Amino acid sequence: MRTSKEDFDRLFAAAVTARENACASYSKFKVGAAVLTNNGHIYSGCNVESSSYGLTVCAERNALAGALCAGEREFKAILITADTPGPISPCGACRQVLFDYAPGIEVIMTNVKGSSATEDISGLLKYPFGLSELK
């Protein structure tokens, strides 16, 4: 893990807090995420569900979008947490968006009990499609 213990603890606390605000009235599956910028700022997000399920926004994309809206463009790590037996992994859509905006980001997958696994986004999204393919 490249992230320091101090940064891990800050990210975990922010993600757990964000998870408490999740709007998961359909699935009852609450997820929290927190992204760490290269300059040390943390932005958190939770999943927000819609009755039109395709409009649901995951915690990871909400955290990243908040950082992007604040003008952040360089990211070190993102931590995701949920009440699962083991660490929770980002969905495919989140993997793609993370690759698009943070191609070198460290993805820290946890559960609320503190179990964790870490992987770079490139390890989670094999054969990515990105900006270079659009040129």
N, C-alpha and C. Protein backbone atom coordinates (compact mmCIF):
# COMPACT_ATOMS: atom_id res chain seq x y z
N MET A 1 0.84 -1.18 0.00
CA MET A 1 0.00 0.00 0.00
C MET A 1 0.89 1.25 0.00
N ARG A 2 0.63 2.14 -0.94
CA ARG A 2 1.38 3.39 -1.03
C ARG A 2 0.86 4.44 -0.06
N THR A 3 -0.39 4.35 0.30
CA THR A 3 -1.00 5.33 1.19
C THR A 3 -0.51 5.11 2.62
N SER A 4 -0.16 6.20 3.27
CA SER A 4 0.32 6.10 4.65
C SER A 4 -0.82 5.66 5.58
N LYS A 5 -0.45 5.17 6.74
CA LYS A 5 -1.44 4.77 7.75
C LYS A 5 -2.31 5.97 8.12
N GLU A 6 -1.70 7.14 8.25
CA GLU A 6 -2.45 8.34 8.60
C GLU A 6 -3.48 8.68 7.51
N ASP A 7 -3.06 8.62 6.24
CA ASP A 7 -4.00 8.90 5.15
C ASP A 7 -5.08 7.83 5.06
N PHE A 8 -4.70 6.57 5.27
CA PHE A 8 -5.70 5.49 5.29
C PHE A 8 -6.76 5.78 6.35
N ASP A 9 -6.32 6.12 7.55
CA ASP A 9 -7.26 6.39 8.65
C ASP A 9 -8.18 7.56 8.32
N ARG A 10 -7.63 8.62 7.72
CA ARG A 10 -8.44 9.78 7.33
C ARG A 10 -9.45 9.39 6.26
N LEU A 11 -9.02 8.64 5.27
CA LEU A 11 -9.92 8.21 4.20
C LEU A 11 -11.01 7.29 4.74
N PHE A 12 -10.62 6.36 5.58
CA PHE A 12 -11.59 5.41 6.13
C PHE A 12 -12.66 6.14 6.94
N ALA A 13 -12.23 7.08 7.79
CA ALA A 13 -13.18 7.83 8.61
C ALA A 13 -14.13 8.64 7.72
N ALA A 14 -13.61 9.25 6.68
CA ALA A 14 -14.45 10.05 5.78
C ALA A 14 -15.43 9.17 5.02
N ALA A 15 -14.99 8.00 4.57
CA ALA A 15 -15.86 7.09 3.83
C ALA A 15 -16.95 6.50 4.72
N VAL A 16 -16.60 6.14 5.94
CA VAL A 16 -17.60 5.60 6.88
C VAL A 16 -18.66 6.66 7.19
N THR A 17 -18.23 7.89 7.40
CA THR A 17 -19.17 8.98 7.66
C THR A 17 -20.06 9.23 6.45
N ALA A 18 -19.48 9.26 5.25
CA ALA A 18 -20.26 9.46 4.04
C ALA A 18 -21.28 8.35 3.85
N ARG A 19 -20.89 7.13 4.17
CA ARG A 19 -21.79 5.97 4.02
C ARG A 19 -23.07 6.16 4.83
N GLU A 20 -22.95 6.79 5.98
CA GLU A 20 -24.12 7.03 6.82
C GLU A 20 -25.17 7.90 6.11
N ASN A 21 -24.74 8.70 5.14
CA ASN A 21 -25.65 9.58 4.40
C ASN A 21 -26.16 8.97 3.10
N ALA A 22 -25.81 7.72 2.84
CA ALA A 22 -26.23 7.09 1.59
C ALA A 22 -27.75 7.10 1.45
N CYS A 23 -28.21 7.29 0.23
CA CYS A 23 -29.64 7.25 -0.10
C CYS A 23 -29.88 5.93 -0.81
N ALA A 24 -30.09 4.88 -0.03
CA ALA A 24 -30.19 3.52 -0.56
C ALA A 24 -31.55 2.92 -0.23
N SER A 25 -32.61 3.67 -0.52
CA SER A 25 -33.95 3.22 -0.15
C SER A 25 -34.42 2.01 -0.95
N TYR A 26 -33.81 1.73 -2.08
CA TYR A 26 -34.22 0.59 -2.90
C TYR A 26 -33.41 -0.66 -2.59
N SER A 27 -32.10 -0.54 -2.62
CA SER A 27 -31.24 -1.71 -2.40
C SER A 27 -30.93 -1.95 -0.92
N LYS A 28 -31.02 -0.90 -0.12
CA LYS A 28 -30.61 -0.96 1.30
C LYS A 28 -29.11 -1.22 1.45
N PHE A 29 -28.35 -1.04 0.36
CA PHE A 29 -26.92 -1.30 0.33
C PHE A 29 -26.18 0.04 0.33
N LYS A 30 -25.71 0.45 1.49
CA LYS A 30 -25.05 1.74 1.65
C LYS A 30 -23.56 1.62 1.40
N VAL A 31 -23.05 2.55 0.60
CA VAL A 31 -21.63 2.58 0.27
C VAL A 31 -21.10 3.99 0.52
N GLY A 32 -19.89 4.06 1.04
CA GLY A 32 -19.20 5.34 1.22
C GLY A 32 -17.86 5.30 0.54
N ALA A 33 -17.41 6.44 0.08
CA ALA A 33 -16.10 6.54 -0.57
C ALA A 33 -15.46 7.86 -0.20
N ALA A 34 -14.15 7.89 -0.25
CA ALA A 34 -13.39 9.12 -0.03
C ALA A 34 -12.17 9.09 -0.93
N VAL A 35 -11.94 10.21 -1.61
CA VAL A 35 -10.81 10.32 -2.52
C VAL A 35 -9.81 11.31 -1.95
N LEU A 36 -8.53 10.96 -2.07
CA LEU A 36 -7.43 11.78 -1.57
C LEU A 36 -6.70 12.40 -2.75
N THR A 37 -6.58 13.73 -2.73
CA THR A 37 -5.87 14.42 -3.80
C THR A 37 -4.37 14.41 -3.50
N ASN A 38 -3.59 14.73 -4.51
CA ASN A 38 -2.14 14.78 -4.31
C ASN A 38 -1.74 15.87 -3.31
N ASN A 39 -2.58 16.89 -3.14
CA ASN A 39 -2.25 17.95 -2.18
C ASN A 39 -2.85 17.70 -0.80
N GLY A 40 -3.40 16.50 -0.57
CA GLY A 40 -3.84 16.11 0.77
C GLY A 40 -5.29 16.36 1.11
N HIS A 41 -6.07 16.94 0.18
CA HIS A 41 -7.49 17.16 0.47
C HIS A 41 -8.28 15.86 0.28
N ILE A 42 -9.33 15.71 1.06
CA ILE A 42 -10.20 14.54 0.97
C ILE A 42 -11.61 15.00 0.62
N TYR A 43 -12.20 14.31 -0.35
CA TYR A 43 -13.58 14.55 -0.76
C TYR A 43 -14.31 13.22 -0.61
N SER A 44 -15.50 13.27 -0.02
CA SER A 44 -16.22 12.02 0.21
C SER A 44 -17.52 12.00 -0.58
N GLY A 45 -18.07 10.81 -0.71
CA GLY A 45 -19.33 10.64 -1.41
C GLY A 45 -20.02 9.37 -0.95
N CYS A 46 -21.31 9.31 -1.20
CA CYS A 46 -22.11 8.12 -0.88
C CYS A 46 -22.94 7.77 -2.11
N ASN A 47 -23.49 6.56 -2.12
CA ASN A 47 -24.36 6.19 -3.23
C ASN A 47 -25.71 6.88 -3.07
N VAL A 48 -26.27 7.30 -4.21
CA VAL A 48 -27.56 7.97 -4.25
C VAL A 48 -28.40 7.24 -5.29
N GLU A 49 -29.41 6.52 -4.82
CA GLU A 49 -30.23 5.70 -5.70
C GLU A 49 -31.42 6.46 -6.26
N SER A 50 -31.91 5.97 -7.39
CA SER A 50 -33.08 6.53 -8.05
C SER A 50 -34.06 5.40 -8.35
N SER A 51 -35.35 5.73 -8.40
CA SER A 51 -36.34 4.72 -8.77
C SER A 51 -36.14 4.27 -10.22
N SER A 52 -35.49 5.10 -11.02
CA SER A 52 -35.04 4.70 -12.36
C SER A 52 -33.60 4.23 -12.16
N TYR A 53 -33.43 2.96 -11.87
CA TYR A 53 -32.17 2.42 -11.36
C TYR A 53 -30.92 2.87 -12.12
N GLY A 54 -31.02 3.05 -13.41
CA GLY A 54 -29.87 3.48 -14.19
C GLY A 54 -29.37 4.86 -13.83
N LEU A 55 -30.18 5.66 -13.16
CA LEU A 55 -29.78 7.00 -12.75
C LEU A 55 -29.07 7.02 -11.40
N THR A 56 -28.97 5.88 -10.76
CA THR A 56 -28.26 5.78 -9.48
C THR A 56 -26.80 6.17 -9.69
N VAL A 57 -26.25 6.88 -8.71
CA VAL A 57 -24.84 7.29 -8.77
C VAL A 57 -24.10 6.65 -7.60
N CYS A 58 -23.02 5.99 -7.91
CA CYS A 58 -22.22 5.30 -6.90
C CYS A 58 -21.42 6.27 -6.04
N ALA A 59 -21.04 5.82 -4.88
CA ALA A 59 -20.26 6.62 -3.93
C ALA A 59 -18.93 7.08 -4.54
N GLU A 60 -18.28 6.20 -5.27
CA GLU A 60 -16.98 6.52 -5.85
C GLU A 60 -17.08 7.68 -6.83
N ARG A 61 -18.09 7.63 -7.71
CA ARG A 61 -18.26 8.70 -8.68
C ARG A 61 -18.70 9.99 -8.01
N ASN A 62 -19.49 9.90 -6.95
CA ASN A 62 -19.87 11.12 -6.22
C ASN A 62 -18.67 11.76 -5.56
N ALA A 63 -17.81 10.98 -4.95
CA ALA A 63 -16.60 11.53 -4.31
C ALA A 63 -15.69 12.17 -5.35
N LEU A 64 -15.46 11.48 -6.44
CA LEU A 64 -14.59 12.01 -7.49
C LEU A 64 -15.19 13.27 -8.11
N ALA A 65 -16.50 13.24 -8.36
CA ALA A 65 -17.15 14.41 -8.95
C ALA A 65 -17.05 15.63 -8.03
N GLY A 66 -17.19 15.42 -6.74
CA GLY A 66 -17.04 16.52 -5.79
C GLY A 66 -15.65 17.14 -5.87
N ALA A 67 -14.65 16.29 -5.96
CA ALA A 67 -13.27 16.77 -6.08
C ALA A 67 -13.06 17.51 -7.39
N LEU A 68 -13.58 16.95 -8.47
CA LEU A 68 -13.45 17.61 -9.77
C LEU A 68 -14.16 18.96 -9.78
N CYS A 69 -15.35 19.02 -9.17
CA CYS A 69 -16.09 20.29 -9.09
C CYS A 69 -15.33 21.34 -8.29
N ALA A 70 -14.51 20.91 -7.36
CA ALA A 70 -13.71 21.83 -6.55
C ALA A 70 -12.41 22.22 -7.27
N GLY A 71 -12.22 21.70 -8.48
CA GLY A 71 -11.04 22.06 -9.26
C GLY A 71 -9.87 21.11 -9.13
N GLU A 72 -10.02 20.04 -8.38
CA GLU A 72 -8.94 19.07 -8.21
C GLU A 72 -8.74 18.26 -9.49
N ARG A 73 -7.49 17.96 -9.82
CA ARG A 73 -7.21 17.18 -11.02
C ARG A 73 -6.15 16.11 -10.81
N GLU A 74 -5.54 16.06 -9.64
CA GLU A 74 -4.50 15.07 -9.37
C GLU A 74 -4.87 14.28 -8.11
N PHE A 75 -4.91 12.96 -8.28
CA PHE A 75 -5.44 12.10 -7.22
C PHE A 75 -4.45 11.02 -6.84
N LYS A 76 -4.41 10.74 -5.55
CA LYS A 76 -3.51 9.72 -5.01
C LYS A 76 -4.23 8.41 -4.74
N ALA A 77 -5.38 8.47 -4.05
CA ALA A 77 -6.06 7.25 -3.63
C ALA A 77 -7.56 7.49 -3.46
N ILE A 78 -8.30 6.39 -3.56
CA ILE A 78 -9.72 6.40 -3.22
C ILE A 78 -9.97 5.18 -2.34
N LEU A 79 -10.77 5.36 -1.30
CA LEU A 79 -11.13 4.27 -0.41
C LEU A 79 -12.64 4.09 -0.48
N ILE A 80 -13.06 2.85 -0.60
CA ILE A 80 -14.48 2.49 -0.70
C ILE A 80 -14.80 1.57 0.46
N THR A 81 -15.98 1.76 1.07
CA THR A 81 -16.37 0.88 2.16
C THR A 81 -17.87 0.58 2.14
N ALA A 82 -18.22 -0.59 2.62
CA ALA A 82 -19.61 -1.02 2.75
C ALA A 82 -19.66 -2.10 3.83
N ASP A 83 -20.87 -2.46 4.23
CA ASP A 83 -21.04 -3.52 5.23
C ASP A 83 -21.13 -4.85 4.49
N THR A 84 -19.98 -5.37 4.13
CA THR A 84 -19.86 -6.61 3.36
C THR A 84 -18.93 -7.56 4.11
N PRO A 85 -18.97 -8.85 3.77
CA PRO A 85 -18.08 -9.80 4.44
C PRO A 85 -16.60 -9.51 4.20
N GLY A 86 -16.27 -9.03 3.01
CA GLY A 86 -14.89 -8.70 2.66
C GLY A 86 -14.84 -7.32 2.03
N PRO A 87 -13.67 -6.91 1.58
CA PRO A 87 -13.54 -5.60 0.95
C PRO A 87 -14.46 -5.46 -0.27
N ILE A 88 -15.03 -4.27 -0.45
CA ILE A 88 -15.94 -3.99 -1.56
C ILE A 88 -15.15 -3.40 -2.74
N SER A 89 -15.43 -3.90 -3.91
CA SER A 89 -14.74 -3.47 -5.12
C SER A 89 -15.62 -2.50 -5.91
N PRO A 90 -15.02 -1.54 -6.61
CA PRO A 90 -15.83 -0.63 -7.42
C PRO A 90 -16.44 -1.34 -8.63
N CYS A 91 -17.64 -0.89 -9.03
CA CYS A 91 -18.29 -1.47 -10.20
C CYS A 91 -17.53 -1.08 -11.47
N GLY A 92 -17.93 -1.64 -12.58
CA GLY A 92 -17.26 -1.35 -13.85
C GLY A 92 -17.35 0.10 -14.27
N ALA A 93 -18.52 0.73 -14.09
CA ALA A 93 -18.68 2.13 -14.45
C ALA A 93 -17.74 3.01 -13.63
N CYS A 94 -17.63 2.73 -12.34
CA CYS A 94 -16.73 3.51 -11.49
C CYS A 94 -15.28 3.28 -11.88
N ARG A 95 -14.94 2.07 -12.22
CA ARG A 95 -13.57 1.79 -12.66
C ARG A 95 -13.22 2.62 -13.88
N GLN A 96 -14.16 2.72 -14.83
CA GLN A 96 -13.91 3.49 -16.04
C GLN A 96 -13.74 4.97 -15.73
N VAL A 97 -14.62 5.53 -14.91
CA VAL A 97 -14.54 6.95 -14.58
C VAL A 97 -13.27 7.24 -13.79
N LEU A 98 -12.90 6.36 -12.87
CA LEU A 98 -11.65 6.54 -12.14
C LEU A 98 -10.47 6.53 -13.10
N PHE A 99 -10.47 5.62 -14.05
CA PHE A 99 -9.37 5.57 -15.03
C PHE A 99 -9.34 6.84 -15.88
N ASP A 100 -10.52 7.34 -16.27
CA ASP A 100 -10.58 8.55 -17.09
C ASP A 100 -9.97 9.76 -16.40
N TYR A 101 -10.26 9.93 -15.10
CA TYR A 101 -9.83 11.13 -14.40
C TYR A 101 -8.66 10.94 -13.45
N ALA A 102 -8.33 9.70 -13.14
CA ALA A 102 -7.24 9.43 -12.19
C ALA A 102 -6.55 8.13 -12.58
N PRO A 103 -5.91 8.10 -13.75
CA PRO A 103 -5.37 6.83 -14.27
C PRO A 103 -4.30 6.16 -13.42
N GLY A 104 -3.72 6.85 -12.46
CA GLY A 104 -2.72 6.24 -11.59
C GLY A 104 -3.19 6.04 -10.18
N ILE A 105 -4.49 6.16 -9.94
CA ILE A 105 -5.02 6.16 -8.57
C ILE A 105 -4.91 4.78 -7.91
N GLU A 106 -4.63 4.81 -6.64
CA GLU A 106 -4.62 3.61 -5.80
C GLU A 106 -6.05 3.41 -5.29
N VAL A 107 -6.61 2.22 -5.47
CA VAL A 107 -7.97 1.92 -5.05
C VAL A 107 -7.89 1.04 -3.80
N ILE A 108 -8.39 1.57 -2.69
CA ILE A 108 -8.37 0.85 -1.42
C ILE A 108 -9.79 0.36 -1.16
N MET A 109 -9.97 -0.94 -1.19
CA MET A 109 -11.27 -1.56 -1.01
C MET A 109 -11.35 -2.07 0.42
N THR A 110 -12.40 -1.68 1.15
CA THR A 110 -12.53 -2.07 2.55
C THR A 110 -13.96 -2.53 2.84
N ASN A 111 -14.14 -3.00 4.06
CA ASN A 111 -15.49 -3.14 4.60
C ASN A 111 -15.53 -2.35 5.90
N VAL A 112 -16.70 -2.18 6.49
CA VAL A 112 -16.81 -1.34 7.69
C VAL A 112 -16.07 -1.93 8.89
N LYS A 113 -15.73 -3.20 8.82
CA LYS A 113 -14.99 -3.82 9.92
C LYS A 113 -13.48 -3.59 9.80
N GLY A 114 -13.05 -3.03 8.65
CA GLY A 114 -11.64 -2.69 8.48
C GLY A 114 -10.83 -3.63 7.62
N SER A 115 -11.42 -4.71 7.11
CA SER A 115 -10.68 -5.56 6.17
C SER A 115 -10.39 -4.74 4.92
N SER A 116 -9.23 -4.94 4.32
CA SER A 116 -8.90 -4.13 3.15
C SER A 116 -8.06 -4.88 2.13
N ALA A 117 -8.14 -4.41 0.91
CA ALA A 117 -7.31 -4.87 -0.20
C ALA A 117 -7.03 -3.64 -1.05
N THR A 118 -5.86 -3.61 -1.66
CA THR A 118 -5.45 -2.44 -2.45
C THR A 118 -4.98 -2.87 -3.82
N GLU A 119 -5.36 -2.07 -4.83
CA GLU A 119 -4.97 -2.34 -6.22
C GLU A 119 -4.94 -1.00 -6.95
N ASP A 120 -4.00 -0.84 -7.86
CA ASP A 120 -4.05 0.32 -8.74
C ASP A 120 -5.22 0.16 -9.70
N ILE A 121 -5.77 1.28 -10.17
CA ILE A 121 -6.91 1.21 -11.08
C ILE A 121 -6.56 0.41 -12.33
N SER A 122 -5.33 0.48 -12.78
CA SER A 122 -4.94 -0.28 -13.97
C SER A 122 -5.01 -1.79 -13.73
N GLY A 123 -4.90 -2.21 -12.48
CA GLY A 123 -5.04 -3.63 -12.16
C GLY A 123 -6.49 -4.06 -12.08
N LEU A 124 -7.39 -3.11 -11.85
CA LEU A 124 -8.82 -3.42 -11.77
C LEU A 124 -9.53 -3.29 -13.11
N LEU A 125 -8.95 -2.48 -14.00
CA LEU A 125 -9.58 -2.25 -15.30
C LEU A 125 -8.60 -2.69 -16.38
N LYS A 126 -8.69 -3.95 -16.74
CA LYS A 126 -7.80 -4.50 -17.76
C LYS A 126 -8.19 -3.96 -19.13
N TYR A 127 -7.21 -3.68 -19.96
CA TYR A 127 -7.42 -3.19 -21.32
C TYR A 127 -8.34 -1.97 -21.34
N PRO A 128 -7.97 -0.90 -20.66
CA PRO A 128 -8.83 0.27 -20.54
C PRO A 128 -9.00 1.01 -21.85
N PHE A 129 -10.10 1.71 -21.95
CA PHE A 129 -10.41 2.60 -23.05
C PHE A 129 -10.37 3.99 -22.48
N GLY A 130 -9.53 4.85 -23.05
CA GLY A 130 -9.40 6.19 -22.49
C GLY A 130 -9.16 7.23 -23.55
N LEU A 131 -8.67 8.36 -23.13
CA LEU A 131 -8.45 9.52 -24.00
C LEU A 131 -7.57 9.18 -25.19
N SER A 132 -6.54 8.38 -24.98
CA SER A 132 -5.63 8.08 -26.10
C SER A 132 -6.34 7.33 -27.23
N GLU A 133 -7.38 6.56 -26.92
CA GLU A 133 -8.13 5.86 -27.96
C GLU A 133 -9.09 6.79 -28.70
N LEU A 134 -9.40 7.93 -28.13
CA LEU A 134 -10.33 8.87 -28.75
C LEU A 134 -9.63 9.85 -29.70
N LYS A 135 -8.31 9.85 -29.68
CA LYS A 135 -7.56 10.78 -30.54
C LYS A 135 -7.35 10.21 -31.92
